[in-house]
Full PDB file with SEQRES, HELIX, SHEET, SSBOND, CRYST1, ORIGX, SCALE, CONECT and MASTER records, all heavy atoms in Angstrom:
SEQRES   1 A   42  ALA LEU TYR GLY ARG HIS ARG LEU ALA GLN ALA ALA PHE          
SEQRES   2 A   42  VAL PRO ALA ASP GLY ILE TRP VAL LEU GLU ILE GLN VAL          
SEQRES   3 A   42  ARG ASP ARG THR LEU PRO ILE GLY ALA PHE TYR GLU ASP          
SEQRES   4 A   42  VAL LEU LEU                                                  
HELIX    1 AA1 LEU A    8  GLN A   10  5                                   3    
SHEET    1 AA1 2 VAL A  21  ARG A  27  0                                        
SHEET    2 AA1 2 GLY A  34  VAL A  40 -1                                        
CRYST1    1.000    1.000    1.000  90.00  90.00  90.00 P 1           1          
ORIGX1      1.000000  0.000000  0.000000        0.00000                         
ORIGX2      0.000000  1.000000  0.000000        0.00000                         
ORIGX3      0.000000  0.000000  1.000000        0.00000                         
SCALE1      1.000000  0.000000  0.000000        0.00000                         
SCALE2      0.000000  1.000000  0.000000        0.00000                         
SCALE3      0.000000  0.000000  1.000000        0.00000                         
ATOM      1  N   ALA A   1       4.971  -8.738 -12.274  1.00  0.00           N  
ATOM      2  CA  ALA A   1       3.701  -9.206 -12.824  1.00  0.00           C  
ATOM      3  C   ALA A   1       3.779 -10.661 -13.285  1.00  0.00           C  
ATOM      4  O   ALA A   1       2.751 -11.337 -13.393  1.00  0.00           O  
ATOM      5  CB  ALA A   1       3.272  -8.323 -13.990  1.00  0.00           C  
ATOM      6  N   LEU A   2       4.983 -11.163 -13.529  1.00  0.00           N  
ATOM      7  CA  LEU A   2       5.127 -12.578 -13.873  1.00  0.00           C  
ATOM      8  C   LEU A   2       4.681 -13.475 -12.726  1.00  0.00           C  
ATOM      9  O   LEU A   2       4.254 -14.611 -12.939  1.00  0.00           O  
ATOM     10  CB  LEU A   2       6.589 -12.892 -14.215  1.00  0.00           C  
ATOM     11  CG  LEU A   2       7.138 -12.343 -15.527  1.00  0.00           C  
ATOM     12  CD1 LEU A   2       8.615 -12.686 -15.628  1.00  0.00           C  
ATOM     13  CD2 LEU A   2       6.374 -12.919 -16.721  1.00  0.00           C  
ATOM     14  N   TYR A   3       4.799 -12.970 -11.511  1.00  0.00           N  
ATOM     15  CA  TYR A   3       4.475 -13.760 -10.325  1.00  0.00           C  
ATOM     16  C   TYR A   3       3.088 -13.447  -9.785  1.00  0.00           C  
ATOM     17  O   TYR A   3       2.638 -14.097  -8.834  1.00  0.00           O  
ATOM     18  CB  TYR A   3       5.524 -13.521  -9.237  1.00  0.00           C  
ATOM     19  CG  TYR A   3       6.922 -13.407  -9.778  1.00  0.00           C  
ATOM     20  CD1 TYR A   3       7.695 -12.270  -9.556  1.00  0.00           C  
ATOM     21  CD2 TYR A   3       7.475 -14.423 -10.552  1.00  0.00           C  
ATOM     22  CE1 TYR A   3       8.977 -12.155 -10.073  1.00  0.00           C  
ATOM     23  CE2 TYR A   3       8.758 -14.314 -11.078  1.00  0.00           C  
ATOM     24  CZ  TYR A   3       9.500 -13.174 -10.837  1.00  0.00           C  
ATOM     25  OH  TYR A   3      10.758 -13.054 -11.361  1.00  0.00           O  
ATOM     26  N   GLY A   4       2.419 -12.449 -10.364  1.00  0.00           N  
ATOM     27  CA  GLY A   4       1.067 -12.119  -9.931  1.00  0.00           C  
ATOM     28  C   GLY A   4       0.875 -10.632  -9.725  1.00  0.00           C  
ATOM     29  O   GLY A   4       1.837  -9.883  -9.546  1.00  0.00           O  
ATOM     30  N   ARG A   5      -0.375 -10.223  -9.767  1.00  0.00           N  
ATOM     31  CA  ARG A   5      -0.741  -8.810  -9.561  1.00  0.00           C  
ATOM     32  C   ARG A   5      -1.542  -8.660  -8.266  1.00  0.00           C  
ATOM     33  O   ARG A   5      -2.519  -7.943  -8.208  1.00  0.00           O  
ATOM     34  CB  ARG A   5      -1.544  -8.294 -10.756  1.00  0.00           C  
ATOM     35  CG  ARG A   5      -0.777  -8.348 -12.079  1.00  0.00           C  
ATOM     36  CD  ARG A   5      -1.635  -7.868 -13.237  1.00  0.00           C  
ATOM     37  NE  ARG A   5      -0.934  -7.921 -14.508  1.00  0.00           N  
ATOM     38  CZ  ARG A   5      -0.172  -6.946 -14.987  1.00  0.00           C  
ATOM     39  NH1 ARG A   5      -0.031  -5.831 -14.292  1.00  0.00           N  
ATOM     40  NH2 ARG A   5       0.426  -7.068 -16.150  1.00  0.00           N  
ATOM     41  N   HIS A   6      -1.107  -9.346  -7.246  1.00  0.00           N  
ATOM     42  CA  HIS A   6      -1.864  -9.395  -6.003  1.00  0.00           C  
ATOM     43  C   HIS A   6      -1.764  -8.076  -5.227  1.00  0.00           C  
ATOM     44  O   HIS A   6      -0.776  -7.345  -5.331  1.00  0.00           O  
ATOM     45  CB  HIS A   6      -1.350 -10.541  -5.142  1.00  0.00           C  
ATOM     46  CG  HIS A   6      -1.283 -11.839  -5.879  1.00  0.00           C  
ATOM     47  ND1 HIS A   6      -2.399 -12.487  -6.336  1.00  0.00           N  
ATOM     48  CD2 HIS A   6      -0.217 -12.598  -6.252  1.00  0.00           C  
ATOM     49  CE1 HIS A   6      -2.050 -13.591  -6.960  1.00  0.00           C  
ATOM     50  NE2 HIS A   6      -0.733 -13.695  -6.924  1.00  0.00           N  
ATOM     51  N   ARG A   7      -2.784  -7.816  -4.434  1.00  0.00           N  
ATOM     52  CA  ARG A   7      -2.877  -6.577  -3.666  1.00  0.00           C  
ATOM     53  C   ARG A   7      -2.622  -6.844  -2.186  1.00  0.00           C  
ATOM     54  O   ARG A   7      -3.139  -7.818  -1.623  1.00  0.00           O  
ATOM     55  CB  ARG A   7      -4.254  -5.934  -3.849  1.00  0.00           C  
ATOM     56  CG  ARG A   7      -4.576  -5.575  -5.300  1.00  0.00           C  
ATOM     57  CD  ARG A   7      -3.529  -4.667  -5.898  1.00  0.00           C  
ATOM     58  NE  ARG A   7      -3.851  -4.219  -7.244  1.00  0.00           N  
ATOM     59  CZ  ARG A   7      -3.016  -3.562  -8.025  1.00  0.00           C  
ATOM     60  NH1 ARG A   7      -1.785  -3.293  -7.587  1.00  0.00           N  
ATOM     61  NH2 ARG A   7      -3.370  -3.172  -9.235  1.00  0.00           N  
ATOM     62  N   LEU A   8      -1.863  -5.970  -1.573  1.00  0.00           N  
ATOM     63  CA  LEU A   8      -1.541  -6.118  -0.165  1.00  0.00           C  
ATOM     64  C   LEU A   8      -2.799  -6.104   0.691  1.00  0.00           C  
ATOM     65  O   LEU A   8      -2.917  -6.859   1.659  1.00  0.00           O  
ATOM     66  CB  LEU A   8      -0.584  -5.004   0.268  1.00  0.00           C  
ATOM     67  CG  LEU A   8      -0.154  -4.975   1.729  1.00  0.00           C  
ATOM     68  CD1 LEU A   8       0.570  -6.266   2.112  1.00  0.00           C  
ATOM     69  CD2 LEU A   8       0.743  -3.766   1.993  1.00  0.00           C  
ATOM     70  N   ALA A   9      -3.754  -5.239   0.354  1.00  0.00           N  
ATOM     71  CA  ALA A   9      -4.979  -5.116   1.145  1.00  0.00           C  
ATOM     72  C   ALA A   9      -5.847  -6.363   1.070  1.00  0.00           C  
ATOM     73  O   ALA A   9      -6.810  -6.487   1.833  1.00  0.00           O  
ATOM     74  CB  ALA A   9      -5.780  -3.898   0.688  1.00  0.00           C  
ATOM     75  N   GLN A  10      -5.526  -7.283   0.159  1.00  0.00           N  
ATOM     76  CA  GLN A  10      -6.289  -8.532   0.043  1.00  0.00           C  
ATOM     77  C   GLN A  10      -5.538  -9.735   0.601  1.00  0.00           C  
ATOM     78  O   GLN A  10      -6.034 -10.861   0.521  1.00  0.00           O  
ATOM     79  CB  GLN A  10      -6.630  -8.776  -1.436  1.00  0.00           C  
ATOM     80  CG  GLN A  10      -7.499  -7.682  -2.034  1.00  0.00           C  
ATOM     81  CD  GLN A  10      -7.611  -7.786  -3.541  1.00  0.00           C  
ATOM     82  OE1 GLN A  10      -6.919  -8.579  -4.168  1.00  0.00           O  
ATOM     83  NE2 GLN A  10      -8.487  -6.986  -4.125  1.00  0.00           N  
ATOM     84  N   ALA A  11      -4.355  -9.489   1.165  1.00  0.00           N  
ATOM     85  CA  ALA A  11      -3.518 -10.592   1.662  1.00  0.00           C  
ATOM     86  C   ALA A  11      -4.001 -11.043   3.033  1.00  0.00           C  
ATOM     87  O   ALA A  11      -3.896 -10.300   4.016  1.00  0.00           O  
ATOM     88  CB  ALA A  11      -2.060 -10.146   1.734  1.00  0.00           C  
ATOM     89  N   ALA A  12      -4.496 -12.270   3.107  1.00  0.00           N  
ATOM     90  CA  ALA A  12      -4.978 -12.817   4.380  1.00  0.00           C  
ATOM     91  C   ALA A  12      -3.862 -13.558   5.107  1.00  0.00           C  
ATOM     92  O   ALA A  12      -4.093 -14.578   5.750  1.00  0.00           O  
ATOM     93  CB  ALA A  12      -6.158 -13.746   4.129  1.00  0.00           C  
ATOM     94  N   PHE A  13      -2.658 -13.035   5.000  1.00  0.00           N  
ATOM     95  CA  PHE A  13      -1.482 -13.618   5.639  1.00  0.00           C  
ATOM     96  C   PHE A  13      -0.526 -12.482   5.976  1.00  0.00           C  
ATOM     97  O   PHE A  13      -0.691 -11.336   5.513  1.00  0.00           O  
ATOM     98  CB  PHE A  13      -0.796 -14.635   4.709  1.00  0.00           C  
ATOM     99  CG  PHE A  13      -0.432 -14.076   3.364  1.00  0.00           C  
ATOM    100  CD1 PHE A  13       0.795 -13.460   3.144  1.00  0.00           C  
ATOM    101  CD2 PHE A  13      -1.333 -14.152   2.296  1.00  0.00           C  
ATOM    102  CE1 PHE A  13       1.123 -12.939   1.906  1.00  0.00           C  
ATOM    103  CE2 PHE A  13      -1.009 -13.631   1.054  1.00  0.00           C  
ATOM    104  CZ  PHE A  13       0.218 -13.027   0.860  1.00  0.00           C  
ATOM    105  N   VAL A  14       0.474 -12.770   6.788  1.00  0.00           N  
ATOM    106  CA  VAL A  14       1.452 -11.750   7.166  1.00  0.00           C  
ATOM    107  C   VAL A  14       2.441 -11.568   6.010  1.00  0.00           C  
ATOM    108  O   VAL A  14       3.106 -12.527   5.605  1.00  0.00           O  
ATOM    109  CB  VAL A  14       2.205 -12.157   8.444  1.00  0.00           C  
ATOM    110  CG1 VAL A  14       3.223 -11.088   8.815  1.00  0.00           C  
ATOM    111  CG2 VAL A  14       1.228 -12.393   9.580  1.00  0.00           C  
ATOM    112  N   PRO A  15       2.546 -10.372   5.449  1.00  0.00           N  
ATOM    113  CA  PRO A  15       3.409 -10.154   4.290  1.00  0.00           C  
ATOM    114  C   PRO A  15       4.881 -10.385   4.623  1.00  0.00           C  
ATOM    115  O   PRO A  15       5.344 -10.087   5.729  1.00  0.00           O  
ATOM    116  CB  PRO A  15       3.151  -8.691   3.922  1.00  0.00           C  
ATOM    117  CG  PRO A  15       1.837  -8.357   4.549  1.00  0.00           C  
ATOM    118  CD  PRO A  15       1.779  -9.172   5.803  1.00  0.00           C  
ATOM    119  N   ALA A  16       5.615 -10.897   3.653  1.00  0.00           N  
ATOM    120  CA  ALA A  16       7.039 -11.140   3.828  1.00  0.00           C  
ATOM    121  C   ALA A  16       7.834  -9.840   3.746  1.00  0.00           C  
ATOM    122  O   ALA A  16       7.355  -8.804   3.278  1.00  0.00           O  
ATOM    123  CB  ALA A  16       7.536 -12.130   2.777  1.00  0.00           C  
ATOM    124  N   ASP A  17       9.056  -9.927   4.189  1.00  0.00           N  
ATOM    125  CA  ASP A  17       9.969  -8.786   4.223  1.00  0.00           C  
ATOM    126  C   ASP A  17      10.488  -8.468   2.824  1.00  0.00           C  
ATOM    127  O   ASP A  17      10.938  -9.351   2.097  1.00  0.00           O  
ATOM    128  CB  ASP A  17      11.147  -9.154   5.139  1.00  0.00           C  
ATOM    129  CG  ASP A  17      12.071  -7.992   5.424  1.00  0.00           C  
ATOM    130  OD1 ASP A  17      11.613  -6.833   5.388  1.00  0.00           O  
ATOM    131  OD2 ASP A  17      13.259  -8.234   5.689  1.00  0.00           O  
ATOM    132  N   GLY A  18      10.382  -7.184   2.412  1.00  0.00           N  
ATOM    133  CA  GLY A  18      11.102  -6.721   1.243  1.00  0.00           C  
ATOM    134  C   GLY A  18      10.439  -6.868  -0.105  1.00  0.00           C  
ATOM    135  O   GLY A  18      11.050  -6.502  -1.111  1.00  0.00           O  
ATOM    136  N   ILE A  19       9.194  -7.366  -0.168  1.00  0.00           N  
ATOM    137  CA  ILE A  19       8.578  -7.549  -1.480  1.00  0.00           C  
ATOM    138  C   ILE A  19       7.172  -6.960  -1.583  1.00  0.00           C  
ATOM    139  O   ILE A  19       6.505  -7.141  -2.601  1.00  0.00           O  
ATOM    140  CB  ILE A  19       8.527  -9.044  -1.880  1.00  0.00           C  
ATOM    141  CG1 ILE A  19       7.725  -9.859  -0.862  1.00  0.00           C  
ATOM    142  CG2 ILE A  19       9.927  -9.599  -2.047  1.00  0.00           C  
ATOM    143  CD1 ILE A  19       7.526 -11.306  -1.288  1.00  0.00           C  
ATOM    144  N   TRP A  20       6.738  -6.237  -0.560  1.00  0.00           N  
ATOM    145  CA  TRP A  20       5.428  -5.591  -0.592  1.00  0.00           C  
ATOM    146  C   TRP A  20       5.584  -4.095  -0.369  1.00  0.00           C  
ATOM    147  O   TRP A  20       6.358  -3.658   0.479  1.00  0.00           O  
ATOM    148  CB  TRP A  20       4.504  -6.165   0.488  1.00  0.00           C  
ATOM    149  CG  TRP A  20       4.078  -7.574   0.235  1.00  0.00           C  
ATOM    150  CD1 TRP A  20       4.629  -8.719   0.744  1.00  0.00           C  
ATOM    151  CD2 TRP A  20       2.997  -8.003  -0.610  1.00  0.00           C  
ATOM    152  NE1 TRP A  20       3.962  -9.817   0.277  1.00  0.00           N  
ATOM    153  CE2 TRP A  20       2.959  -9.419  -0.554  1.00  0.00           C  
ATOM    154  CE3 TRP A  20       2.065  -7.322  -1.404  1.00  0.00           C  
ATOM    155  CZ2 TRP A  20       2.016 -10.155  -1.265  1.00  0.00           C  
ATOM    156  CZ3 TRP A  20       1.125  -8.075  -2.106  1.00  0.00           C  
ATOM    157  CH2 TRP A  20       1.106  -9.466  -2.032  1.00  0.00           C  
ATOM    158  N   VAL A  21       4.811  -3.331  -1.113  1.00  0.00           N  
ATOM    159  CA  VAL A  21       4.777  -1.875  -0.959  1.00  0.00           C  
ATOM    160  C   VAL A  21       3.495  -1.493  -0.233  1.00  0.00           C  
ATOM    161  O   VAL A  21       2.389  -1.831  -0.677  1.00  0.00           O  
ATOM    162  CB  VAL A  21       4.842  -1.166  -2.320  1.00  0.00           C  
ATOM    163  CG1 VAL A  21       4.635   0.337  -2.159  1.00  0.00           C  
ATOM    164  CG2 VAL A  21       6.188  -1.440  -2.987  1.00  0.00           C  
ATOM    165  N   LEU A  22       3.650  -0.805   0.888  1.00  0.00           N  
ATOM    166  CA  LEU A  22       2.507  -0.283   1.633  1.00  0.00           C  
ATOM    167  C   LEU A  22       2.215   1.120   1.099  1.00  0.00           C  
ATOM    168  O   LEU A  22       3.028   2.034   1.243  1.00  0.00           O  
ATOM    169  CB  LEU A  22       2.820  -0.236   3.128  1.00  0.00           C  
ATOM    170  CG  LEU A  22       1.773   0.410   4.030  1.00  0.00           C  
ATOM    171  CD1 LEU A  22       0.447  -0.348   3.976  1.00  0.00           C  
ATOM    172  CD2 LEU A  22       2.282   0.498   5.465  1.00  0.00           C  
ATOM    173  N   GLU A  23       1.062   1.276   0.465  1.00  0.00           N  
ATOM    174  CA  GLU A  23       0.642   2.567  -0.088  1.00  0.00           C  
ATOM    175  C   GLU A  23      -0.382   3.204   0.844  1.00  0.00           C  
ATOM    176  O   GLU A  23      -1.362   2.561   1.227  1.00  0.00           O  
ATOM    177  CB  GLU A  23      -0.012   2.379  -1.454  1.00  0.00           C  
ATOM    178  CG  GLU A  23       0.874   1.792  -2.522  1.00  0.00           C  
ATOM    179  CD  GLU A  23       0.102   1.616  -3.819  1.00  0.00           C  
ATOM    180  OE1 GLU A  23      -0.779   0.734  -3.872  1.00  0.00           O  
ATOM    181  OE2 GLU A  23       0.390   2.359  -4.772  1.00  0.00           O  
ATOM    182  N   ILE A  24      -0.152   4.452   1.162  1.00  0.00           N  
ATOM    183  CA  ILE A  24      -1.081   5.202   2.010  1.00  0.00           C  
ATOM    184  C   ILE A  24      -1.504   6.468   1.278  1.00  0.00           C  
ATOM    185  O   ILE A  24      -0.695   7.369   1.038  1.00  0.00           O  
ATOM    186  CB  ILE A  24      -0.441   5.573   3.360  1.00  0.00           C  
ATOM    187  CG1 ILE A  24      -0.048   4.312   4.140  1.00  0.00           C  
ATOM    188  CG2 ILE A  24      -1.406   6.451   4.168  1.00  0.00           C  
ATOM    189  CD1 ILE A  24      -1.212   3.423   4.543  1.00  0.00           C  
ATOM    190  N   GLN A  25      -2.767   6.518   0.897  1.00  0.00           N  
ATOM    191  CA  GLN A  25      -3.356   7.706   0.274  1.00  0.00           C  
ATOM    192  C   GLN A  25      -4.442   8.219   1.216  1.00  0.00           C  
ATOM    193  O   GLN A  25      -5.345   7.461   1.602  1.00  0.00           O  
ATOM    194  CB  GLN A  25      -3.973   7.360  -1.074  1.00  0.00           C  
ATOM    195  CG  GLN A  25      -4.789   8.465  -1.706  1.00  0.00           C  
ATOM    196  CD  GLN A  25      -3.953   9.450  -2.496  1.00  0.00           C  
ATOM    197  OE1 GLN A  25      -3.077   9.045  -3.240  1.00  0.00           O  
ATOM    198  NE2 GLN A  25      -4.219  10.737  -2.325  1.00  0.00           N  
ATOM    199  N   VAL A  26      -4.329   9.485   1.597  1.00  0.00           N  
ATOM    200  CA  VAL A  26      -5.341  10.087   2.464  1.00  0.00           C  
ATOM    201  C   VAL A  26      -5.874  11.351   1.813  1.00  0.00           C  
ATOM    202  O   VAL A  26      -5.204  11.970   0.980  1.00  0.00           O  
ATOM    203  CB  VAL A  26      -4.775  10.413   3.867  1.00  0.00           C  
ATOM    204  CG1 VAL A  26      -4.292   9.161   4.575  1.00  0.00           C  
ATOM    205  CG2 VAL A  26      -3.661  11.455   3.793  1.00  0.00           C  
ATOM    206  N   ARG A  27      -7.068  11.712   2.213  1.00  0.00           N  
ATOM    207  CA  ARG A  27      -7.614  13.019   1.823  1.00  0.00           C  
ATOM    208  C   ARG A  27      -8.201  13.679   3.058  1.00  0.00           C  
ATOM    209  O   ARG A  27      -8.705  12.994   3.969  1.00  0.00           O  
ATOM    210  CB  ARG A  27      -8.666  12.890   0.722  1.00  0.00           C  
ATOM    211  CG  ARG A  27      -9.878  12.088   1.075  1.00  0.00           C  
ATOM    212  CD  ARG A  27     -10.983  12.266   0.031  1.00  0.00           C  
ATOM    213  NE  ARG A  27     -10.597  11.775  -1.269  1.00  0.00           N  
ATOM    214  CZ  ARG A  27     -10.951  10.575  -1.766  1.00  0.00           C  
ATOM    215  NH1 ARG A  27     -11.701   9.759  -1.016  1.00  0.00           N  
ATOM    216  NH2 ARG A  27     -10.599  10.196  -2.944  1.00  0.00           N  
ATOM    217  N   ASP A  28      -8.088  15.000   3.105  1.00  0.00           N  
ATOM    218  CA  ASP A  28      -8.633  15.741   4.231  1.00  0.00           C  
ATOM    219  C   ASP A  28     -10.144  15.573   4.265  1.00  0.00           C  
ATOM    220  O   ASP A  28     -10.799  15.479   3.214  1.00  0.00           O  
ATOM    221  CB  ASP A  28      -8.265  17.223   4.112  1.00  0.00           C  
ATOM    222  CG  ASP A  28      -8.599  17.987   5.376  1.00  0.00           C  
ATOM    223  OD1 ASP A  28      -7.743  18.030   6.276  1.00  0.00           O  
ATOM    224  OD2 ASP A  28      -9.717  18.532   5.458  1.00  0.00           O  
ATOM    225  N   ARG A  29     -10.708  15.541   5.459  1.00  0.00           N  
ATOM    226  CA  ARG A  29     -12.141  15.266   5.593  1.00  0.00           C  
ATOM    227  C   ARG A  29     -13.005  16.473   5.241  1.00  0.00           C  
ATOM    228  O   ARG A  29     -14.213  16.328   5.020  1.00  0.00           O  
ATOM    229  CB  ARG A  29     -12.453  14.792   7.014  1.00  0.00           C  
ATOM    230  CG  ARG A  29     -11.680  13.525   7.384  1.00  0.00           C  
ATOM    231  CD  ARG A  29     -12.079  12.988   8.738  1.00  0.00           C  
ATOM    232  NE  ARG A  29     -13.394  12.360   8.696  1.00  0.00           N  
ATOM    233  CZ  ARG A  29     -13.951  11.747   9.722  1.00  0.00           C  
ATOM    234  NH1 ARG A  29     -13.321  11.689  10.885  1.00  0.00           N  
ATOM    235  NH2 ARG A  29     -15.143  11.192   9.618  1.00  0.00           N  
ATOM    236  N   THR A  30     -12.398  17.671   5.179  1.00  0.00           N  
ATOM    237  CA  THR A  30     -13.192  18.865   4.871  1.00  0.00           C  
ATOM    238  C   THR A  30     -12.599  19.714   3.748  1.00  0.00           C  
ATOM    239  O   THR A  30     -13.343  20.406   3.047  1.00  0.00           O  
ATOM    240  CB  THR A  30     -13.346  19.749   6.120  1.00  0.00           C  
ATOM    241  OG1 THR A  30     -12.037  20.121   6.601  1.00  0.00           O  
ATOM    242  CG2 THR A  30     -14.104  19.008   7.217  1.00  0.00           C  
ATOM    243  N   LEU A  31     -11.293  19.679   3.557  1.00  0.00           N  
ATOM    244  CA  LEU A  31     -10.630  20.533   2.575  1.00  0.00           C  
ATOM    245  C   LEU A  31     -10.258  19.754   1.324  1.00  0.00           C  
ATOM    246  O   LEU A  31     -10.041  18.542   1.390  1.00  0.00           O  
ATOM    247  CB  LEU A  31      -9.363  21.147   3.193  1.00  0.00           C  
ATOM    248  CG  LEU A  31      -9.565  21.988   4.456  1.00  0.00           C  
ATOM    249  CD1 LEU A  31      -8.220  22.357   5.071  1.00  0.00           C  
ATOM    250  CD2 LEU A  31     -10.366  23.245   4.121  1.00  0.00           C  
ATOM    251  N   PRO A  32     -10.145  20.431   0.167  1.00  0.00           N  
ATOM    252  CA  PRO A  32      -9.830  19.736  -1.088  1.00  0.00           C  
ATOM    253  C   PRO A  32      -8.329  19.477  -1.254  1.00  0.00           C  
ATOM    254  O   PRO A  32      -7.703  19.894  -2.239  1.00  0.00           O  
ATOM    255  CB  PRO A  32     -10.349  20.711  -2.153  1.00  0.00           C  
ATOM    256  CG  PRO A  32     -10.155  22.060  -1.538  1.00  0.00           C  
ATOM    257  CD  PRO A  32     -10.451  21.868  -0.063  1.00  0.00           C  
ATOM    258  N   ILE A  33      -7.754  18.779  -0.278  1.00  0.00           N  
ATOM    259  CA  ILE A  33      -6.337  18.445  -0.322  1.00  0.00           C  
ATOM    260  C   ILE A  33      -6.153  16.993   0.105  1.00  0.00           C  
ATOM    261  O   ILE A  33      -6.981  16.429   0.818  1.00  0.00           O  
ATOM    262  CB  ILE A  33      -5.481  19.366   0.583  1.00  0.00           C  
ATOM    263  CG1 ILE A  33      -6.025  19.346   2.020  1.00  0.00           C  
ATOM    264  CG2 ILE A  33      -5.419  20.780   0.048  1.00  0.00           C  
ATOM    265  CD1 ILE A  33      -5.182  20.128   3.009  1.00  0.00           C  
ATOM    266  N   GLY A  34      -5.053  16.407  -0.338  1.00  0.00           N  
ATOM    267  CA  GLY A  34      -4.745  15.039   0.041  1.00  0.00           C  
ATOM    268  C   GLY A  34      -3.250  14.842   0.115  1.00  0.00           C  
ATOM    269  O   GLY A  34      -2.465  15.781  -0.071  1.00  0.00           O  
ATOM    270  N   ALA A  35      -2.843  13.602   0.389  1.00  0.00           N  
ATOM    271  CA  ALA A  35      -1.417  13.293   0.503  1.00  0.00           C  
ATOM    272  C   ALA A  35      -1.203  11.814   0.244  1.00  0.00           C  
ATOM    273  O   ALA A  35      -2.125  10.995   0.392  1.00  0.00           O  
ATOM    274  CB  ALA A  35      -0.884  13.679   1.878  1.00  0.00           C  
ATOM    275  N   PHE A  36       0.033  11.475  -0.096  1.00  0.00           N  
ATOM    276  CA  PHE A  36       0.382  10.104  -0.453  1.00  0.00           C  
ATOM    277  C   PHE A  36       1.764   9.794   0.084  1.00  0.00           C  
ATOM    278  O   PHE A  36       2.666  10.637   0.053  1.00  0.00           O  
ATOM    279  CB  PHE A  36       0.365   9.966  -1.979  1.00  0.00           C  
ATOM    280  CG  PHE A  36       0.739   8.600  -2.482  1.00  0.00           C  
ATOM    281  CD1 PHE A  36      -0.130   7.528  -2.376  1.00  0.00           C  
ATOM    282  CD2 PHE A  36       1.968   8.391  -3.090  1.00  0.00           C  
ATOM    283  CE1 PHE A  36       0.206   6.275  -2.862  1.00  0.00           C  
ATOM    284  CE2 PHE A  36       2.316   7.141  -3.576  1.00  0.00           C  
ATOM    285  CZ  PHE A  36       1.434   6.079  -3.465  1.00  0.00           C  
ATOM    286  N   TYR A  37       1.908   8.571   0.596  1.00  0.00           N  
ATOM    287  CA  TYR A  37       3.231   8.085   0.986  1.00  0.00           C  
ATOM    288  C   TYR A  37       3.254   6.585   0.754  1.00  0.00           C  
ATOM    289  O   TYR A  37       2.312   5.872   1.120  1.00  0.00           O  
ATOM    290  CB  TYR A  37       3.533   8.374   2.462  1.00  0.00           C  
ATOM    291  CG  TYR A  37       4.962   8.034   2.830  1.00  0.00           C  
ATOM    292  CD1 TYR A  37       5.970   8.980   2.683  1.00  0.00           C  
ATOM    293  CD2 TYR A  37       5.310   6.772   3.291  1.00  0.00           C  
ATOM    294  CE1 TYR A  37       7.290   8.670   2.991  1.00  0.00           C  
ATOM    295  CE2 TYR A  37       6.619   6.455   3.592  1.00  0.00           C  
ATOM    296  CZ  TYR A  37       7.603   7.413   3.447  1.00  0.00           C  
ATOM    297  OH  TYR A  37       8.910   7.089   3.733  1.00  0.00           O  
ATOM    298  N   GLU A  38       4.329   6.095   0.132  1.00  0.00           N  
ATOM    299  CA  GLU A  38       4.492   4.660  -0.061  1.00  0.00           C  
ATOM    300  C   GLU A  38       5.964   4.298   0.048  1.00  0.00           C  
ATOM    301  O   GLU A  38       6.856   5.094  -0.260  1.00  0.00           O  
ATOM    302  CB  GLU A  38       3.950   4.211  -1.419  1.00  0.00           C  
ATOM    303  CG  GLU A  38       4.755   4.711  -2.598  1.00  0.00           C  
ATOM    304  CD  GLU A  38       4.339   4.074  -3.912  1.00  0.00           C  
ATOM    305  OE1 GLU A  38       3.597   3.074  -3.904  1.00  0.00           O  
ATOM    306  OE2 GLU A  38       4.767   4.591  -4.961  1.00  0.00           O  
ATOM    307  N   ASP A  39       6.194   3.067   0.494  1.00  0.00           N  
ATOM    308  CA  ASP A  39       7.552   2.550   0.619  1.00  0.00           C  
ATOM    309  C   ASP A  39       7.459   1.036   0.759  1.00  0.00           C  
ATOM    310  O   ASP A  39       6.396   0.484   1.054  1.00  0.00           O  
ATOM    311  CB  ASP A  39       8.251   3.163   1.835  1.00  0.00           C  
ATOM    312  CG  ASP A  39       9.763   3.082   1.773  1.00  0.00           C  
ATOM    313  OD1 ASP A  39      10.290   2.434   0.849  1.00  0.00           O  
ATOM    314  OD2 ASP A  39      10.425   3.645   2.662  1.00  0.00           O  
ATOM    315  N   VAL A  40       8.583   0.375   0.561  1.00  0.00           N  
ATOM    316  CA  VAL A  40       8.647  -1.073   0.721  1.00  0.00           C  
ATOM    317  C   VAL A  40       8.596  -1.416   2.208  1.00  0.00           C  
ATOM    318  O   VAL A  40       9.239  -0.750   3.031  1.00  0.00           O  
ATOM    319  CB  VAL A  40       9.942  -1.626   0.100  1.00  0.00           C  
ATOM    320  CG1 VAL A  40       9.987  -3.149   0.238  1.00  0.00           C  
ATOM    321  CG2 VAL A  40      10.052  -1.225  -1.361  1.00  0.00           C  
ATOM    322  N   LEU A  41       7.844  -2.436   2.555  1.00  0.00           N  
ATOM    323  CA  LEU A  41       7.836  -2.919   3.932  1.00  0.00           C  
ATOM    324  C   LEU A  41       9.122  -3.701   4.195  1.00  0.00           C  
ATOM    325  O   LEU A  41       9.377  -4.734   3.551  1.00  0.00           O  
ATOM    326  CB  LEU A  41       6.625  -3.818   4.175  1.00  0.00           C  
ATOM    327  CG  LEU A  41       5.283  -3.120   4.387  1.00  0.00           C  
ATOM    328  CD1 LEU A  41       4.166  -4.141   4.462  1.00  0.00           C  
ATOM    329  CD2 LEU A  41       5.306  -2.243   5.626  1.00  0.00           C  
ATOM    330  N   LEU A  42       9.912  -3.196   5.122  1.00  0.00           N  
ATOM    331  CA  LEU A  42      11.175  -3.820   5.496  1.00  0.00           C  
ATOM    332  C   LEU A  42      11.267  -3.882   7.013  1.00  0.00           C  
ATOM    333  O   LEU A  42      10.893  -2.932   7.702  1.00  0.00           O  
ATOM    334  CB  LEU A  42      12.364  -3.028   4.945  1.00  0.00           C  
ATOM    335  CG  LEU A  42      12.556  -3.051   3.434  1.00  0.00           C  
ATOM    336  CD1 LEU A  42      13.461  -1.911   2.999  1.00  0.00           C  
ATOM    337  CD2 LEU A  42      13.127  -4.395   2.999  1.00  0.00           C  
TER     338      LEU A  42                                                      
MASTER        0    0    0    1    2    0    0    6  337    1    0    4          
END                                                                             
């Protein structure tokens, strides 16, 4: 947070290696269930 609270989805540039987390949150289109996966882009 000392360097910023920027969001990957707002980055208008190609993200660098090793310092961005790609978060994927999905929900089923008909059922009350969802899922989440995140990891560092390397």
